[in-house]
Amino acid sequence: MVSGPYRSGAATAEARARNLAELNRAALALFRAGHVPVIGVNLALPLIEAAGEAAFDEIMMPLSLRLVERCDACLRIGGPSRGADEETAQFRASGRPVYARLGEVPGAR
């Protein structure tokens, strides 16, 4: 799982798009290293779009935290994010690795 800020520190749609692009670039690097990367935001946004923006809190973190349960490890990127910190805490609590840099992930550069 790639975890990092999406809305945190991103007051505009453009800033959120930049954050998402950073998450996706990290996921692409992991994919090219032979992993199957997932990003909670990428799973949640289509559901939020279908339900309406008012459903953001109902869907975003609950879906992301359920996704954590199905992943082997986490790459935590970017700056401050309460949601990303919740995800990484769940990984650590279950004894699964959390990597701070792409180069720490087995097989990635």
N, C-alpha and C. Protein backbone atom coordinates (compact mmCIF):
# COMPACT_ATOMS: atom_id res chain seq x y z
N MET A 1 0.85 -1.17 0.00
CA MET A 1 0.00 0.00 0.00
C MET A 1 0.88 1.23 0.00
N VAL A 2 0.49 2.21 -0.79
CA VAL A 2 1.15 3.51 -0.75
C VAL A 2 0.25 4.44 0.04
N SER A 3 0.82 5.06 1.05
CA SER A 3 0.07 5.91 1.95
C SER A 3 0.74 7.27 2.04
N GLY A 4 -0.07 8.32 2.00
CA GLY A 4 0.44 9.67 2.11
C GLY A 4 -0.70 10.66 2.09
N PRO A 5 -0.38 11.93 2.15
CA PRO A 5 -1.45 12.94 2.19
C PRO A 5 -2.22 13.02 0.89
N TYR A 6 -3.51 13.23 1.01
CA TYR A 6 -4.36 13.56 -0.12
C TYR A 6 -4.98 14.93 0.14
N ARG A 7 -5.82 15.05 1.15
CA ARG A 7 -6.41 16.35 1.48
C ARG A 7 -5.55 17.15 2.45
N SER A 8 -4.75 16.49 3.26
CA SER A 8 -3.94 17.19 4.27
C SER A 8 -3.03 18.21 3.59
N GLY A 9 -3.16 19.45 4.01
CA GLY A 9 -2.34 20.52 3.46
C GLY A 9 -2.70 20.90 2.04
N ALA A 10 -3.80 20.39 1.53
CA ALA A 10 -4.20 20.63 0.14
C ALA A 10 -5.57 21.32 0.14
N ALA A 11 -5.54 22.63 0.09
CA ALA A 11 -6.78 23.41 0.18
C ALA A 11 -7.53 23.49 -1.14
N THR A 12 -6.86 23.17 -2.23
CA THR A 12 -7.49 23.30 -3.55
C THR A 12 -7.52 21.95 -4.26
N ALA A 13 -8.36 21.87 -5.27
CA ALA A 13 -8.43 20.65 -6.09
C ALA A 13 -7.09 20.39 -6.76
N GLU A 14 -6.41 21.45 -7.16
CA GLU A 14 -5.10 21.29 -7.81
C GLU A 14 -4.08 20.70 -6.84
N ALA A 15 -4.09 21.14 -5.61
CA ALA A 15 -3.15 20.61 -4.61
C ALA A 15 -3.47 19.15 -4.31
N ARG A 16 -4.75 18.81 -4.24
CA ARG A 16 -5.11 17.40 -4.02
C ARG A 16 -4.68 16.55 -5.22
N ALA A 17 -4.82 17.09 -6.42
CA ALA A 17 -4.37 16.37 -7.62
C ALA A 17 -2.86 16.15 -7.59
N ARG A 18 -2.12 17.13 -7.11
CA ARG A 18 -0.65 16.96 -7.00
C ARG A 18 -0.32 15.86 -6.00
N ASN A 19 -1.02 15.86 -4.87
CA ASN A 19 -0.79 14.80 -3.87
C ASN A 19 -1.10 13.42 -4.44
N LEU A 20 -2.22 13.32 -5.16
CA LEU A 20 -2.59 12.03 -5.75
C LEU A 20 -1.58 11.60 -6.81
N ALA A 21 -1.09 12.54 -7.59
CA ALA A 21 -0.07 12.22 -8.59
C ALA A 21 1.19 11.68 -7.93
N GLU A 22 1.56 12.25 -6.78
CA GLU A 22 2.74 11.75 -6.07
C GLU A 22 2.52 10.32 -5.57
N LEU A 23 1.33 10.04 -5.05
CA LEU A 23 1.00 8.68 -4.62
C LEU A 23 1.06 7.72 -5.81
N ASN A 24 0.52 8.14 -6.94
CA ASN A 24 0.51 7.28 -8.12
C ASN A 24 1.91 7.06 -8.69
N ARG A 25 2.76 8.07 -8.64
CA ARG A 25 4.15 7.87 -9.11
C ARG A 25 4.87 6.84 -8.25
N ALA A 26 4.65 6.90 -6.94
CA ALA A 26 5.27 5.90 -6.05
C ALA A 26 4.71 4.51 -6.36
N ALA A 27 3.40 4.43 -6.59
CA ALA A 27 2.79 3.14 -6.92
C ALA A 27 3.35 2.58 -8.22
N LEU A 28 3.57 3.44 -9.20
CA LEU A 28 4.15 2.99 -10.46
C LEU A 28 5.55 2.42 -10.25
N ALA A 29 6.34 3.08 -9.44
CA ALA A 29 7.69 2.58 -9.15
C ALA A 29 7.62 1.21 -8.47
N LEU A 30 6.69 1.06 -7.55
CA LEU A 30 6.53 -0.24 -6.89
C LEU A 30 6.08 -1.31 -7.88
N PHE A 31 5.16 -0.96 -8.75
CA PHE A 31 4.70 -1.90 -9.78
C PHE A 31 5.88 -2.35 -10.64
N ARG A 32 6.69 -1.40 -11.05
CA ARG A 32 7.85 -1.73 -11.90
C ARG A 32 8.87 -2.57 -11.17
N ALA A 33 8.82 -2.55 -9.83
CA ALA A 33 9.71 -3.38 -9.03
C ALA A 33 9.11 -4.76 -8.75
N GLY A 34 7.93 -5.02 -9.31
CA GLY A 34 7.33 -6.34 -9.17
C GLY A 34 6.25 -6.46 -8.11
N HIS A 35 5.88 -5.35 -7.49
CA HIS A 35 4.85 -5.37 -6.45
C HIS A 35 3.48 -5.07 -7.05
N VAL A 36 2.43 -5.27 -6.28
CA VAL A 36 1.07 -4.93 -6.68
C VAL A 36 0.61 -3.79 -5.76
N PRO A 37 0.88 -2.55 -6.14
CA PRO A 37 0.58 -1.43 -5.25
C PRO A 37 -0.89 -1.03 -5.30
N VAL A 38 -1.39 -0.61 -4.16
CA VAL A 38 -2.74 -0.07 -4.07
C VAL A 38 -2.68 1.22 -3.26
N ILE A 39 -3.64 2.09 -3.54
CA ILE A 39 -3.76 3.37 -2.85
C ILE A 39 -5.21 3.51 -2.43
N GLY A 40 -5.44 3.71 -1.16
CA GLY A 40 -6.80 3.82 -0.65
C GLY A 40 -7.60 4.91 -1.34
N VAL A 41 -6.98 6.05 -1.60
CA VAL A 41 -7.67 7.16 -2.26
C VAL A 41 -8.19 6.73 -3.63
N ASN A 42 -7.38 5.97 -4.36
CA ASN A 42 -7.81 5.55 -5.70
C ASN A 42 -9.02 4.62 -5.65
N LEU A 43 -9.16 3.87 -4.59
CA LEU A 43 -10.34 3.02 -4.45
C LEU A 43 -11.55 3.80 -3.95
N ALA A 44 -11.28 4.77 -3.09
CA ALA A 44 -12.38 5.50 -2.46
C ALA A 44 -13.00 6.57 -3.35
N LEU A 45 -12.20 7.28 -4.14
CA LEU A 45 -12.73 8.41 -4.89
C LEU A 45 -13.89 8.06 -5.83
N PRO A 46 -13.84 6.95 -6.57
CA PRO A 46 -15.01 6.64 -7.41
C PRO A 46 -16.29 6.39 -6.60
N LEU A 47 -16.15 5.79 -5.43
CA LEU A 47 -17.32 5.58 -4.58
C LEU A 47 -17.85 6.90 -4.04
N ILE A 48 -16.93 7.79 -3.67
CA ILE A 48 -17.33 9.11 -3.17
C ILE A 48 -18.02 9.89 -4.28
N GLU A 49 -17.50 9.79 -5.48
CA GLU A 49 -18.13 10.46 -6.61
C GLU A 49 -19.56 9.95 -6.81
N ALA A 50 -19.75 8.65 -6.70
CA ALA A 50 -21.09 8.07 -6.87
C ALA A 50 -22.03 8.48 -5.73
N ALA A 51 -21.49 8.56 -4.52
CA ALA A 51 -22.32 8.87 -3.35
C ALA A 51 -22.50 10.36 -3.13
N GLY A 52 -21.59 11.17 -3.66
CA GLY A 52 -21.61 12.61 -3.40
C GLY A 52 -20.55 12.98 -2.39
N GLU A 53 -20.03 14.18 -2.53
CA GLU A 53 -18.92 14.66 -1.68
C GLU A 53 -19.26 14.59 -0.19
N ALA A 54 -20.52 14.69 0.16
CA ALA A 54 -20.92 14.62 1.56
C ALA A 54 -20.57 13.27 2.18
N ALA A 55 -20.33 12.26 1.36
CA ALA A 55 -20.00 10.91 1.85
C ALA A 55 -18.50 10.71 2.02
N PHE A 56 -17.70 11.76 1.83
CA PHE A 56 -16.24 11.61 1.91
C PHE A 56 -15.81 10.93 3.20
N ASP A 57 -16.23 11.48 4.35
CA ASP A 57 -15.80 10.91 5.63
C ASP A 57 -16.36 9.51 5.88
N GLU A 58 -17.51 9.24 5.34
CA GLU A 58 -18.11 7.92 5.48
C GLU A 58 -17.30 6.85 4.75
N ILE A 59 -16.68 7.24 3.64
CA ILE A 59 -16.04 6.26 2.75
C ILE A 59 -14.52 6.26 2.83
N MET A 60 -13.88 7.42 2.80
CA MET A 60 -12.42 7.50 2.59
C MET A 60 -11.62 6.67 3.60
N MET A 61 -11.64 7.03 4.85
CA MET A 61 -10.80 6.32 5.80
C MET A 61 -11.31 4.92 6.13
N PRO A 62 -12.61 4.71 6.27
CA PRO A 62 -13.04 3.33 6.51
C PRO A 62 -12.58 2.38 5.40
N LEU A 63 -12.68 2.80 4.15
CA LEU A 63 -12.23 1.95 3.04
C LEU A 63 -10.72 1.76 3.08
N SER A 64 -9.98 2.85 3.29
CA SER A 64 -8.52 2.75 3.35
C SER A 64 -8.06 1.84 4.47
N LEU A 65 -8.69 1.95 5.63
CA LEU A 65 -8.29 1.10 6.75
C LEU A 65 -8.66 -0.36 6.53
N ARG A 66 -9.75 -0.62 5.84
CA ARG A 66 -10.06 -2.01 5.47
C ARG A 66 -9.04 -2.55 4.48
N LEU A 67 -8.57 -1.69 3.59
CA LEU A 67 -7.56 -2.09 2.61
C LEU A 67 -6.26 -2.47 3.30
N VAL A 68 -5.91 -1.76 4.36
CA VAL A 68 -4.68 -2.07 5.11
C VAL A 68 -4.66 -3.53 5.52
N GLU A 69 -5.81 -4.06 5.92
CA GLU A 69 -5.90 -5.44 6.39
C GLU A 69 -5.48 -6.44 5.32
N ARG A 70 -5.52 -6.04 4.05
CA ARG A 70 -5.25 -6.97 2.96
C ARG A 70 -3.88 -6.76 2.30
N CYS A 71 -3.09 -5.87 2.86
CA CYS A 71 -1.78 -5.55 2.27
C CYS A 71 -0.65 -6.09 3.12
N ASP A 72 0.47 -6.38 2.46
CA ASP A 72 1.64 -6.95 3.14
C ASP A 72 2.52 -5.90 3.79
N ALA A 73 2.56 -4.70 3.21
CA ALA A 73 3.47 -3.66 3.70
C ALA A 73 2.96 -2.30 3.22
N CYS A 74 3.59 -1.25 3.74
CA CYS A 74 3.18 0.10 3.39
C CYS A 74 4.40 0.95 3.06
N LEU A 75 4.27 1.75 2.02
CA LEU A 75 5.24 2.80 1.71
C LEU A 75 4.58 4.11 2.10
N ARG A 76 5.09 4.76 3.12
CA ARG A 76 4.53 6.03 3.62
C ARG A 76 5.32 7.17 3.00
N ILE A 77 4.66 7.99 2.19
CA ILE A 77 5.34 9.09 1.51
C ILE A 77 4.69 10.41 1.89
N GLY A 78 5.35 11.50 1.51
CA GLY A 78 4.78 12.83 1.66
C GLY A 78 4.84 13.37 3.07
N GLY A 79 4.11 14.44 3.26
CA GLY A 79 4.13 15.17 4.51
C GLY A 79 3.08 14.70 5.50
N PRO A 80 2.73 15.60 6.42
CA PRO A 80 1.78 15.25 7.47
C PRO A 80 0.42 14.83 6.91
N SER A 81 -0.15 13.79 7.54
CA SER A 81 -1.46 13.30 7.15
C SER A 81 -1.99 12.42 8.27
N ARG A 82 -3.07 12.84 8.89
CA ARG A 82 -3.66 12.03 9.96
C ARG A 82 -4.11 10.68 9.43
N GLY A 83 -4.72 10.66 8.24
CA GLY A 83 -5.19 9.41 7.65
C GLY A 83 -4.05 8.45 7.36
N ALA A 84 -2.99 8.97 6.73
CA ALA A 84 -1.83 8.12 6.44
C ALA A 84 -1.19 7.61 7.72
N ASP A 85 -1.18 8.46 8.76
CA ASP A 85 -0.64 8.02 10.04
C ASP A 85 -1.50 6.91 10.65
N GLU A 86 -2.82 6.98 10.49
CA GLU A 86 -3.70 5.91 10.97
C GLU A 86 -3.40 4.60 10.22
N GLU A 87 -3.21 4.71 8.92
CA GLU A 87 -2.90 3.51 8.13
C GLU A 87 -1.59 2.89 8.58
N THR A 88 -0.55 3.70 8.71
CA THR A 88 0.75 3.15 9.10
C THR A 88 0.71 2.59 10.52
N ALA A 89 -0.05 3.22 11.40
CA ALA A 89 -0.18 2.69 12.76
C ALA A 89 -0.79 1.30 12.74
N GLN A 90 -1.76 1.10 11.87
CA GLN A 90 -2.40 -0.22 11.76
C GLN A 90 -1.41 -1.25 11.22
N PHE A 91 -0.60 -0.87 10.25
CA PHE A 91 0.44 -1.79 9.76
C PHE A 91 1.39 -2.16 10.89
N ARG A 92 1.89 -1.16 11.59
CA ARG A 92 2.85 -1.42 12.67
C ARG A 92 2.25 -2.27 13.78
N ALA A 93 0.99 -2.00 14.12
CA ALA A 93 0.33 -2.76 15.19
C ALA A 93 0.22 -4.23 14.85
N SER A 94 0.14 -4.53 13.56
CA SER A 94 0.02 -5.94 13.14
C SER A 94 1.38 -6.55 12.80
N GLY A 95 2.45 -5.79 13.01
CA GLY A 95 3.79 -6.31 12.77
C GLY A 95 4.23 -6.31 11.32
N ARG A 96 3.47 -5.64 10.46
CA ARG A 96 3.85 -5.56 9.05
C ARG A 96 4.70 -4.32 8.80
N PRO A 97 5.61 -4.39 7.84
CA PRO A 97 6.56 -3.29 7.65
C PRO A 97 5.93 -2.02 7.07
N VAL A 98 6.51 -0.91 7.51
CA VAL A 98 6.21 0.41 6.95
C VAL A 98 7.54 0.99 6.49
N TYR A 99 7.63 1.32 5.22
CA TYR A 99 8.84 1.88 4.64
C TYR A 99 8.68 3.38 4.46
N ALA A 100 9.75 4.12 4.72
CA ALA A 100 9.71 5.58 4.62
C ALA A 100 10.25 6.08 3.28
N ARG A 101 10.97 5.23 2.57
CA ARG A 101 11.54 5.61 1.27
C ARG A 101 11.42 4.44 0.31
N LEU A 102 11.23 4.77 -0.94
CA LEU A 102 11.09 3.75 -1.97
C LEU A 102 12.27 2.78 -1.96
N GLY A 103 13.47 3.28 -1.78
CA GLY A 103 14.65 2.43 -1.78
C GLY A 103 14.70 1.41 -0.67
N GLU A 104 13.87 1.56 0.37
CA GLU A 104 13.82 0.60 1.46
C GLU A 104 12.97 -0.63 1.10
N VAL A 105 12.09 -0.47 0.13
CA VAL A 105 11.17 -1.55 -0.25
C VAL A 105 11.95 -2.63 -1.00
N PRO A 106 11.84 -3.88 -0.59
CA PRO A 106 12.56 -4.95 -1.30
C PRO A 106 12.30 -4.91 -2.80
N GLY A 107 13.37 -4.91 -3.56
CA GLY A 107 13.29 -4.93 -5.01
C GLY A 107 13.12 -3.57 -5.68
N ALA A 108 12.86 -2.53 -4.90
CA ALA A 108 12.65 -1.19 -5.48
C ALA A 108 13.92 -0.35 -5.36
N ARG A 109 14.03 0.60 -6.28
CA ARG A 109 15.17 1.52 -6.23
C ARG A 109 14.68 2.92 -5.97
